[in-house]
Amino acid sequence: MSIDDDFFEVEAFIKSPIRMSLSPPKNEMERICKHVAELEMENEELKEYAGPIYKIIRLMKEQLRKEFDGDKIRTQKTRDQKGSPRQNTGLDEEHF
């Protein structure tokens, strides 16, 4: 069952006459509680996978940022020594 199916099922339940009554049938409440428990387990499983993935992504971003900053510094030093080939182009440094 997809997330969209879950959403529409819950939305239908909220709007249903069963929801409007003070005491919905016991089997309906048990089914919903079971479904909620399954979704919570899936959420926990996803968190287990997501934590290490986000950590790897963060480390990769930091490494790329360091490399990019290092390239900018090296490029700037080279330009300062040789003179910038883009001096008269009218373009800002940010475009490169």
PDB file of N, CA and C in Angstrom:
ATOM      1  N   MET A   1       0.847  -1.179   0.000  1.00  0.00           N
ATOM      2  CA  MET A   1       0.000   0.000   0.000  1.00  0.00           C
ATOM      3  C   MET A   1       0.890   1.238   0.000  1.00  0.00           C
ATOM      4  N   SER A   2       0.608   2.187  -0.861  1.00  0.00           N
ATOM      5  CA  SER A   2       1.445   3.383  -0.941  1.00  0.00           C
ATOM      6  C   SER A   2       1.001   4.422   0.081  1.00  0.00           C
ATOM      7  N   ILE A   3       1.815   5.439   0.207  1.00  0.00           N
ATOM      8  CA  ILE A   3       1.494   6.527   1.147  1.00  0.00           C
ATOM      9  C   ILE A   3       0.205   7.212   0.718  1.00  0.00           C
ATOM     10  N   ASP A   4       0.026   7.394  -0.591  1.00  0.00           N
ATOM     11  CA  ASP A   4      -1.207   8.025  -1.082  1.00  0.00           C
ATOM     12  C   ASP A   4      -2.427   7.195  -0.699  1.00  0.00           C
ATOM     13  N   ASP A   5      -2.322   5.874  -0.843  1.00  0.00           N
ATOM     14  CA  ASP A   5      -3.436   5.001  -0.452  1.00  0.00           C
ATOM     15  C   ASP A   5      -3.727   5.156   1.026  1.00  0.00           C
ATOM     16  N   ASP A   6      -2.679   5.196   1.839  1.00  0.00           N
ATOM     17  CA  ASP A   6      -2.849   5.373   3.280  1.00  0.00           C
ATOM     18  C   ASP A   6      -3.554   6.688   3.577  1.00  0.00           C
ATOM     19  N   PHE A   7      -3.113   7.747   2.890  1.00  0.00           N
ATOM     20  CA  PHE A   7      -3.693   9.069   3.131  1.00  0.00           C
ATOM     21  C   PHE A   7      -5.180   9.065   2.816  1.00  0.00           C
ATOM     22  N   PHE A   8      -5.544   8.532   1.648  1.00  0.00           N
ATOM     23  CA  PHE A   8      -6.948   8.546   1.250  1.00  0.00           C
ATOM     24  C   PHE A   8      -7.791   7.638   2.142  1.00  0.00           C
ATOM     25  N   GLU A   9      -7.202   6.546   2.616  1.00  0.00           N
ATOM     26  CA  GLU A   9      -7.927   5.659   3.516  1.00  0.00           C
ATOM     27  C   GLU A   9      -8.209   6.371   4.840  1.00  0.00           C
ATOM     28  N   VAL A  10      -7.213   7.051   5.359  1.00  0.00           N
ATOM     29  CA  VAL A  10      -7.399   7.779   6.623  1.00  0.00           C
ATOM     30  C   VAL A  10      -8.371   8.933   6.417  1.00  0.00           C
ATOM     31  N   GLU A  11      -8.229   9.647   5.307  1.00  0.00           N
ATOM     32  CA  GLU A  11      -9.135  10.759   5.021  1.00  0.00           C
ATOM     33  C   GLU A  11     -10.576  10.261   4.914  1.00  0.00           C
ATOM     34  N   ALA A  12     -10.783   9.127   4.234  1.00  0.00           N
ATOM     35  CA  ALA A  12     -12.125   8.558   4.103  1.00  0.00           C
ATOM     36  C   ALA A  12     -12.677   8.175   5.478  1.00  0.00           C
ATOM     37  N   PHE A  13     -11.821   7.622   6.324  1.00  0.00           N
ATOM     38  CA  PHE A  13     -12.278   7.246   7.664  1.00  0.00           C
ATOM     39  C   PHE A  13     -12.695   8.476   8.461  1.00  0.00           C
ATOM     40  N   ILE A  14     -11.896   9.537   8.364  1.00  0.00           N
ATOM     41  CA  ILE A  14     -12.201  10.748   9.124  1.00  0.00           C
ATOM     42  C   ILE A  14     -13.556  11.315   8.708  1.00  0.00           C
ATOM     43  N   LYS A  15     -13.877  11.234   7.437  1.00  0.00           N
ATOM     44  CA  LYS A  15     -15.130  11.783   6.918  1.00  0.00           C
ATOM     45  C   LYS A  15     -16.294  10.792   7.008  1.00  0.00           C
ATOM     46  N   SER A  16     -16.010   9.570   7.395  1.00  0.00           N
ATOM     47  CA  SER A  16     -17.050   8.533   7.390  1.00  0.00           C
ATOM     48  C   SER A  16     -17.992   8.678   8.577  1.00  0.00           C
ATOM     49  N   PRO A  17     -19.194   8.115   8.430  1.00  0.00           N
ATOM     50  CA  PRO A  17     -20.151   8.135   9.552  1.00  0.00           C
ATOM     51  C   PRO A  17     -19.622   7.391  10.767  1.00  0.00           C
ATOM     52  N   ILE A  18     -18.763   6.394  10.541  1.00  0.00           N
ATOM     53  CA  ILE A  18     -18.191   5.662  11.677  1.00  0.00           C
ATOM     54  C   ILE A  18     -17.435   6.634  12.569  1.00  0.00           C
ATOM     55  N   ARG A  19     -16.682   7.536  11.984  1.00  0.00           N
ATOM     56  CA  ARG A  19     -15.896   8.505  12.744  1.00  0.00           C
ATOM     57  C   ARG A  19     -16.805   9.449  13.503  1.00  0.00           C
ATOM     58  N   MET A  20     -17.963   9.743  12.934  1.00  0.00           N
ATOM     59  CA  MET A  20     -18.870  10.690  13.559  1.00  0.00           C
ATOM     60  C   MET A  20     -19.568  10.102  14.785  1.00  0.00           C
ATOM     61  N   SER A  21     -19.683   8.803  14.856  1.00  0.00           N
ATOM     62  CA  SER A  21     -20.330   8.198  16.012  1.00  0.00           C
ATOM     63  C   SER A  21     -19.374   8.249  17.204  1.00  0.00           C
ATOM     64  N   LEU A  22     -19.942   8.138  18.395  1.00  0.00           N
ATOM     65  CA  LEU A  22     -19.119   8.222  19.599  1.00  0.00           C
ATOM     66  C   LEU A  22     -18.259   6.987  19.808  1.00  0.00           C
ATOM     67  N   SER A  23     -18.728   5.832  19.410  1.00  0.00           N
ATOM     68  CA  SER A  23     -17.945   4.612  19.603  1.00  0.00           C
ATOM     69  C   SER A  23     -17.932   3.796  18.301  1.00  0.00           C
ATOM     70  N   PRO A  24     -16.871   3.949  17.531  1.00  0.00           N
ATOM     71  CA  PRO A  24     -16.781   3.168  16.297  1.00  0.00           C
ATOM     72  C   PRO A  24     -16.677   1.686  16.628  1.00  0.00           C
ATOM     73  N   PRO A  25     -17.031   0.843  15.681  1.00  0.00           N
ATOM     74  CA  PRO A  25     -16.946  -0.603  15.938  1.00  0.00           C
ATOM     75  C   PRO A  25     -15.537  -1.002  16.374  1.00  0.00           C
ATOM     76  N   LYS A  26     -15.481  -1.950  17.280  1.00  0.00           N
ATOM     77  CA  LYS A  26     -14.206  -2.372  17.860  1.00  0.00           C
ATOM     78  C   LYS A  26     -13.252  -2.887  16.789  1.00  0.00           C
ATOM     79  N   ASN A  27     -13.769  -3.677  15.843  1.00  0.00           N
ATOM     80  CA  ASN A  27     -12.892  -4.236  14.811  1.00  0.00           C
ATOM     81  C   ASN A  27     -12.301  -3.138  13.919  1.00  0.00           C
ATOM     82  N   GLU A  28     -13.047  -2.073  13.701  1.00  0.00           N
ATOM     83  CA  GLU A  28     -12.528  -0.958  12.892  1.00  0.00           C
ATOM     84  C   GLU A  28     -11.401  -0.242  13.640  1.00  0.00           C
ATOM     85  N   MET A  29     -11.582  -0.038  14.929  1.00  0.00           N
ATOM     86  CA  MET A  29     -10.536   0.606  15.729  1.00  0.00           C
ATOM     87  C   MET A  29      -9.293  -0.279  15.802  1.00  0.00           C
ATOM     88  N   GLU A  30      -9.483  -1.586  15.950  1.00  0.00           N
ATOM     89  CA  GLU A  30      -8.346  -2.504  15.985  1.00  0.00           C
ATOM     90  C   GLU A  30      -7.582  -2.474  14.665  1.00  0.00           C
ATOM     91  N   ARG A  31      -8.318  -2.434  13.564  1.00  0.00           N
ATOM     92  CA  ARG A  31      -7.685  -2.380  12.249  1.00  0.00           C
ATOM     93  C   ARG A  31      -6.866  -1.100  12.101  1.00  0.00           C
ATOM     94  N   ILE A  32      -7.414  -0.002  12.548  1.00  0.00           N
ATOM     95  CA  ILE A  32      -6.710   1.284  12.430  1.00  0.00           C
ATOM     96  C   ILE A  32      -5.483   1.299  13.340  1.00  0.00           C
ATOM     97  N   CYS A  33      -5.623   0.799  14.556  1.00  0.00           N
ATOM     98  CA  CYS A  33      -4.482   0.749  15.482  1.00  0.00           C
ATOM     99  C   CYS A  33      -3.365  -0.122  14.914  1.00  0.00           C
ATOM    100  N   LYS A  34      -3.735  -1.242  14.325  1.00  0.00           N
ATOM    101  CA  LYS A  34      -2.748  -2.138  13.721  1.00  0.00           C
ATOM    102  C   LYS A  34      -2.046  -1.437  12.559  1.00  0.00           C
ATOM    103  N   HIS A  35      -2.821  -0.732  11.757  1.00  0.00           N
ATOM    104  CA  HIS A  35      -2.260  -0.017  10.612  1.00  0.00           C
ATOM    105  C   HIS A  35      -1.298   1.083  11.077  1.00  0.00           C
ATOM    106  N   VAL A  36      -1.680   1.808  12.102  1.00  0.00           N
ATOM    107  CA  VAL A  36      -0.819   2.862  12.649  1.00  0.00           C
ATOM    108  C   VAL A  36       0.478   2.254  13.184  1.00  0.00           C
ATOM    109  N   ALA A  37       0.374   1.124  13.859  1.00  0.00           N
ATOM    110  CA  ALA A  37       1.569   0.455  14.388  1.00  0.00           C
ATOM    111  C   ALA A  37       2.498   0.026  13.255  1.00  0.00           C
ATOM    112  N   GLU A  38       1.928  -0.482  12.155  1.00  0.00           N
ATOM    113  CA  GLU A  38       2.740  -0.868  10.995  1.00  0.00           C
ATOM    114  C   GLU A  38       3.458   0.345  10.403  1.00  0.00           C
ATOM    115  N   LEU A  39       2.739   1.461  10.292  1.00  0.00           N
ATOM    116  CA  LEU A  39       3.351   2.679   9.748  1.00  0.00           C
ATOM    117  C   LEU A  39       4.470   3.179  10.655  1.00  0.00           C
ATOM    118  N   GLU A  40       4.277   3.079  11.964  1.00  0.00           N
ATOM    119  CA  GLU A  40       5.327   3.502  12.895  1.00  0.00           C
ATOM    120  C   GLU A  40       6.566   2.624  12.759  1.00  0.00           C
ATOM    121  N   MET A  41       6.364   1.304  12.557  1.00  0.00           N
ATOM    122  CA  MET A  41       7.509   0.410  12.363  1.00  0.00           C
ATOM    123  C   MET A  41       8.254   0.756  11.074  1.00  0.00           C
ATOM    124  N   GLU A  42       7.505   1.009  10.000  1.00  0.00           N
ATOM    125  CA  GLU A  42       8.134   1.392   8.739  1.00  0.00           C
ATOM    126  C   GLU A  42       8.932   2.673   8.916  1.00  0.00           C
ATOM    127  N   ASN A  43       8.370   3.613   9.674  1.00  0.00           N
ATOM    128  CA  ASN A  43       9.048   4.885   9.917  1.00  0.00           C
ATOM    129  C   ASN A  43      10.360   4.654  10.650  1.00  0.00           C
ATOM    130  N   GLU A  44      10.359   3.782  11.651  1.00  0.00           N
ATOM    131  CA  GLU A  44      11.584   3.471  12.397  1.00  0.00           C
ATOM    132  C   GLU A  44      12.628   2.821  11.492  1.00  0.00           C
ATOM    133  N   GLU A  45      12.171   1.910  10.616  1.00  0.00           N
ATOM    134  CA  GLU A  45      13.094   1.259   9.680  1.00  0.00           C
ATOM    135  C   GLU A  45      13.722   2.294   8.750  1.00  0.00           C
ATOM    136  N   LEU A  46      12.910   3.229   8.281  1.00  0.00           N
ATOM    137  CA  LEU A  46      13.438   4.265   7.399  1.00  0.00           C
ATOM    138  C   LEU A  46      14.444   5.145   8.125  1.00  0.00           C
ATOM    139  N   LYS A  47      14.189   5.440   9.391  1.00  0.00           N
ATOM    140  CA  LYS A  47      15.132   6.249  10.169  1.00  0.00           C
ATOM    141  C   LYS A  47      16.475   5.544  10.296  1.00  0.00           C
ATOM    142  N   GLU A  48      16.439   4.202  10.451  1.00  0.00           N
ATOM    143  CA  GLU A  48      17.684   3.443  10.558  1.00  0.00           C
ATOM    144  C   GLU A  48      18.524   3.602   9.297  1.00  0.00           C
ATOM    145  N   TYR A  49      17.871   3.605   8.139  1.00  0.00           N
ATOM    146  CA  TYR A  49      18.595   3.765   6.874  1.00  0.00           C
ATOM    147  C   TYR A  49      18.963   5.220   6.624  1.00  0.00           C
ATOM    148  N   ALA A  50      18.079   6.124   6.984  1.00  0.00           N
ATOM    149  CA  ALA A  50      18.279   7.533   6.665  1.00  0.00           C
ATOM    150  C   ALA A  50      19.438   8.141   7.445  1.00  0.00           C
ATOM    151  N   GLY A  51      19.624   7.752   8.702  1.00  0.00           N
ATOM    152  CA  GLY A  51      20.687   8.333   9.517  1.00  0.00           C
ATOM    153  C   GLY A  51      22.055   8.212   8.871  1.00  0.00           C
ATOM    154  N   PRO A  52      22.498   6.999   8.550  1.00  0.00           N
ATOM    155  CA  PRO A  52      23.813   6.856   7.912  1.00  0.00           C
ATOM    156  C   PRO A  52      23.885   7.520   6.533  1.00  0.00           C
ATOM    157  N   ILE A  53      22.789   7.478   5.794  1.00  0.00           N
ATOM    158  CA  ILE A  53      22.792   8.104   4.459  1.00  0.00           C
ATOM    159  C   ILE A  53      22.986   9.610   4.590  1.00  0.00           C
ATOM    160  N   TYR A  54      22.256  10.246   5.517  1.00  0.00           N
ATOM    161  CA  TYR A  54      22.416  11.687   5.702  1.00  0.00           C
ATOM    162  C   TYR A  54      23.819  12.037   6.187  1.00  0.00           C
ATOM    163  N   LYS A  55      24.393  11.177   7.022  1.00  0.00           N
ATOM    164  CA  LYS A  55      25.753  11.422   7.500  1.00  0.00           C
ATOM    165  C   LYS A  55      26.740  11.384   6.338  1.00  0.00           C
ATOM    166  N   ILE A  56      26.587  10.385   5.458  1.00  0.00           N
ATOM    167  CA  ILE A  56      27.463  10.284   4.284  1.00  0.00           C
ATOM    168  C   ILE A  56      27.296  11.502   3.384  1.00  0.00           C
ATOM    169  N   ILE A  57      26.057  11.910   3.152  1.00  0.00           N
ATOM    170  CA  ILE A  57      25.799  13.081   2.304  1.00  0.00           C
ATOM    171  C   ILE A  57      26.436  14.322   2.917  1.00  0.00           C
ATOM    172  N   ARG A  58      26.292  14.492   4.227  1.00  0.00           N
ATOM    173  CA  ARG A  58      26.876  15.667   4.896  1.00  0.00           C
ATOM    174  C   ARG A  58      28.397  15.663   4.755  1.00  0.00           C
ATOM    175  N   LEU A  59      29.023  14.492   4.959  1.00  0.00           N
ATOM    176  CA  LEU A  59      30.476  14.402   4.822  1.00  0.00           C
ATOM    177  C   LEU A  59      30.920  14.695   3.390  1.00  0.00           C
ATOM    178  N   MET A  60      30.153  14.190   2.416  1.00  0.00           N
ATOM    179  CA  MET A  60      30.493  14.448   1.013  1.00  0.00           C
ATOM    180  C   MET A  60      30.375  15.940   0.688  1.00  0.00           C
ATOM    181  N   LYS A  61      29.341  16.584   1.214  1.00  0.00           N
ATOM    182  CA  LYS A  61      29.165  18.024   0.996  1.00  0.00           C
ATOM    183  C   LYS A  61      30.343  18.801   1.579  1.00  0.00           C
ATOM    184  N   GLU A  62      30.738  18.423   2.804  1.00  0.00           N
ATOM    185  CA  GLU A  62      31.864  19.101   3.442  1.00  0.00           C
ATOM    186  C   GLU A  62      33.132  18.923   2.614  1.00  0.00           C
ATOM    187  N   GLN A  63      33.369  17.708   2.123  1.00  0.00           N
ATOM    188  CA  GLN A  63      34.560  17.439   1.309  1.00  0.00           C
ATOM    189  C   GLN A  63      34.526  18.251   0.016  1.00  0.00           C
ATOM    190  N   LEU A  64      33.372  18.275  -0.633  1.00  0.00           N
ATOM    191  CA  LEU A  64      33.250  19.061  -1.868  1.00  0.00           C
ATOM    192  C   LEU A  64      33.469  20.554  -1.599  1.00  0.00           C
ATOM    193  N   ARG A  65      32.936  21.026  -0.487  1.00  0.00           N
ATOM    194  CA  ARG A  65      33.106  22.441  -0.138  1.00  0.00           C
ATOM    195  C   ARG A  65      34.584  22.755   0.075  1.00  0.00           C
ATOM    196  N   LYS A  66      35.289  21.861   0.776  1.00  0.00           N
ATOM    197  CA  LYS A  66      36.726  22.066   1.005  1.00  0.00           C
ATOM    198  C   LYS A  66      37.477  22.063  -0.319  1.00  0.00           C
ATOM    199  N   GLU A  67      37.161  21.100  -1.188  1.00  0.00           N
ATOM    200  CA  GLU A  67      37.831  21.030  -2.488  1.00  0.00           C
ATOM    201  C   GLU A  67      37.528  22.267  -3.322  1.00  0.00           C
ATOM    202  N   PHE A  68      36.263  22.707  -3.313  1.00  0.00           N
ATOM    203  CA  PHE A  68      35.874  23.883  -4.084  1.00  0.00           C
ATOM    204  C   PHE A  68      36.586  25.116  -3.556  1.00  0.00           C
ATOM    205  N   ASP A  69      36.603  25.282  -2.230  1.00  0.00           N
ATOM    206  CA  ASP A  69      37.295  26.431  -1.644  1.00  0.00           C
ATOM    207  C   ASP A  69      38.783  26.379  -1.969  1.00  0.00           C
ATOM    208  N   GLY A  70      39.383  25.193  -1.928  1.00  0.00           N
ATOM    209  CA  GLY A  70      40.794  25.042  -2.279  1.00  0.00           C
ATOM    210  C   GLY A  70      41.048  25.396  -3.733  1.00  0.00           C
ATOM    211  N   ASP A  71      40.155  24.969  -4.625  1.00  0.00           N
ATOM    212  CA  ASP A  71      40.284  25.307  -6.047  1.00  0.00           C
ATOM    213  C   ASP A  71      40.161  26.811  -6.265  1.00  0.00           C
ATOM    214  N   LYS A  72      39.229  27.430  -5.542  1.00  0.00           N
ATOM    215  CA  LYS A  72      39.065  28.886  -5.677  1.00  0.00           C
ATOM    216  C   LYS A  72      40.333  29.607  -5.246  1.00  0.00           C
ATOM    217  N   ILE A  73      40.925  29.150  -4.143  1.00  0.00           N
ATOM    218  CA  ILE A  73      42.147  29.792  -3.644  1.00  0.00           C
ATOM    219  C   ILE A  73      43.281  29.595  -4.638  1.00  0.00           C
ATOM    220  N   ARG A  74      43.471  28.358  -5.139  1.00  0.00           N
ATOM    221  CA  ARG A  74      44.532  28.088  -6.119  1.00  0.00           C
ATOM    222  C   ARG A  74      44.313  28.898  -7.399  1.00  0.00           C
ATOM    223  N   THR A  75      43.063  28.959  -7.849  1.00  0.00           N
ATOM    224  CA  THR A  75      42.750  29.698  -9.065  1.00  0.00           C
ATOM    225  C   THR A  75      43.035  31.181  -8.870  1.00  0.00           C
ATOM    226  N   GLN A  76      42.676  31.709  -7.721  1.00  0.00           N
ATOM    227  CA  GLN A  76      42.906  33.124  -7.443  1.00  0.00           C
ATOM    228  C   GLN A  76      44.401  33.435  -7.413  1.00  0.00           C
ATOM    229  N   LYS A  77      45.199  32.548  -6.780  1.00  0.00           N
ATOM    230  CA  LYS A  77      46.644  32.758  -6.737  1.00  0.00           C
ATOM    231  C   LYS A  77      47.225  32.739  -8.151  1.00  0.00           C
ATOM    232  N   THR A  78      46.760  31.805  -8.976  1.00  0.00           N
ATOM    233  CA  THR A  78      47.246  31.708 -10.348  1.00  0.00           C
ATOM    234  C   THR A  78      46.890  32.971 -11.124  1.00  0.00           C
ATOM    235  N   ARG A  79      45.689  33.459 -10.971  1.00  0.00           N
ATOM    236  CA  ARG A  79      45.272  34.680 -11.671  1.00  0.00           C
ATOM    237  C   ARG A  79      46.083  35.881 -11.209  1.00  0.00           C
ATOM    238  N   ASP A  80      46.335  35.951  -9.890  1.00  0.00           N
ATOM    239  CA  ASP A  80      47.107  37.070  -9.361  1.00  0.00           C
ATOM    240  C   ASP A  80      48.514  37.073  -9.946  1.00  0.00           C
ATOM    241  N   GLN A  81      49.059  35.887 -10.185  1.00  0.00           N
ATOM    242  CA  GLN A  81      50.410  35.793 -10.730  1.00  0.00           C
ATOM    243  C   GLN A  81      50.430  36.098 -12.225  1.00  0.00           C
ATOM    244  N   LYS A  82      49.463  35.582 -12.968  1.00  0.00           N
ATOM    245  CA  LYS A  82      49.464  35.704 -14.424  1.00  0.00           C
ATOM    246  C   LYS A  82      48.610  36.865 -14.924  1.00  0.00           C
ATOM    247  N   GLY A  83      47.709  37.312 -14.126  1.00  0.00           N
ATOM    248  CA  GLY A  83      46.740  38.284 -14.601  1.00  0.00           C
ATOM    249  C   GLY A  83      45.514  37.521 -15.070  1.00  0.00           C
ATOM    250  N   SER A  84      44.350  38.035 -14.817  1.00  0.00           N
ATOM    251  CA  SER A  84      43.125  37.317 -15.138  1.00  0.00           C
ATOM    252  C   SER A  84      42.837  37.380 -16.633  1.00  0.00           C
ATOM    253  N   PRO A  85      42.589  36.225 -17.266  1.00  0.00           N
ATOM    254  CA  PRO A  85      42.250  36.252 -18.688  1.00  0.00           C
ATOM    255  C   PRO A  85      40.847  36.812 -18.924  1.00  0.00           C
ATOM    256  N   ARG A  86      40.081  36.954 -17.880  1.00  0.00           N
ATOM    257  CA  ARG A  86      38.703  37.437 -18.018  1.00  0.00           C
ATOM    258  C   ARG A  86      38.559  38.889 -17.563  1.00  0.00           C
ATOM    259  N   GLN A  87      39.636  39.604 -17.461  1.00  0.00           N
ATOM    260  CA  GLN A  87      39.567  40.963 -16.919  1.00  0.00           C
ATOM    261  C   GLN A  87      38.639  41.861 -17.724  1.00  0.00           C
ATOM    262  N   ASN A  88      38.662  41.761 -19.009  1.00  0.00           N
ATOM    263  CA  ASN A  88      37.909  42.690 -19.838  1.00  0.00           C
ATOM    264  C   ASN A  88      36.635  42.084 -20.417  1.00  0.00           C
ATOM    265  N   THR A  89      36.165  40.984 -19.882  1.00  0.00           N
ATOM    266  CA  THR A  89      34.970  40.360 -20.441  1.00  0.00           C
ATOM    267  C   THR A  89      33.697  41.007 -19.937  1.00  0.00           C
ATOM    268  N   GLY A  90      33.765  41.703 -18.825  1.00  0.00           N
ATOM    269  CA  GLY A  90      32.569  42.322 -18.265  1.00  0.00           C
ATOM    270  C   GLY A  90      31.723  41.347 -17.453  1.00  0.00           C
ATOM    271  N   LEU A  91      32.194  40.124 -17.277  1.00  0.00           N
ATOM    272  CA  LEU A  91      31.452  39.137 -16.488  1.00  0.00           C
ATOM    273  C   LEU A  91      31.984  39.114 -15.060  1.00  0.00           C
ATOM    274  N   ASP A  92      31.085  38.872 -14.136  1.00  0.00           N
ATOM    275  CA  ASP A  92      31.482  38.779 -12.738  1.00  0.00           C
ATOM    276  C   ASP A  92      32.186  37.454 -12.478  1.00  0.00           C
ATOM    277  N   GLU A  93      32.977  37.403 -11.430  1.00  0.00           N
ATOM    278  CA  GLU A  93      33.676  36.186 -11.041  1.00  0.00           C
ATOM    279  C   GLU A  93      32.678  35.077 -10.676  1.00  0.00           C
ATOM    280  N   GLU A  94      31.498  35.461 -10.186  1.00  0.00           N
ATOM    281  CA  GLU A  94      30.522  34.477  -9.737  1.00  0.00           C
ATOM    282  C   GLU A  94      30.036  33.581 -10.870  1.00  0.00           C
ATOM    283  N   HIS A  95      30.129  34.021 -12.096  1.00  0.00           N
ATOM    284  CA  HIS A  95      29.663  33.215 -13.222  1.00  0.00           C
ATOM    285  C   HIS A  95      30.578  32.037 -13.484  1.00  0.00           C
ATOM    286  N   PHE A  96      31.762  32.044 -12.929  1.00  0.00           N
ATOM    287  CA  PHE A  96      32.731  30.976 -13.186  1.00  0.00           C
ATOM    288  C   PHE A  96      32.997  30.294 -11.935  1.00  0.00           C
TER     289      PHE A  96
END
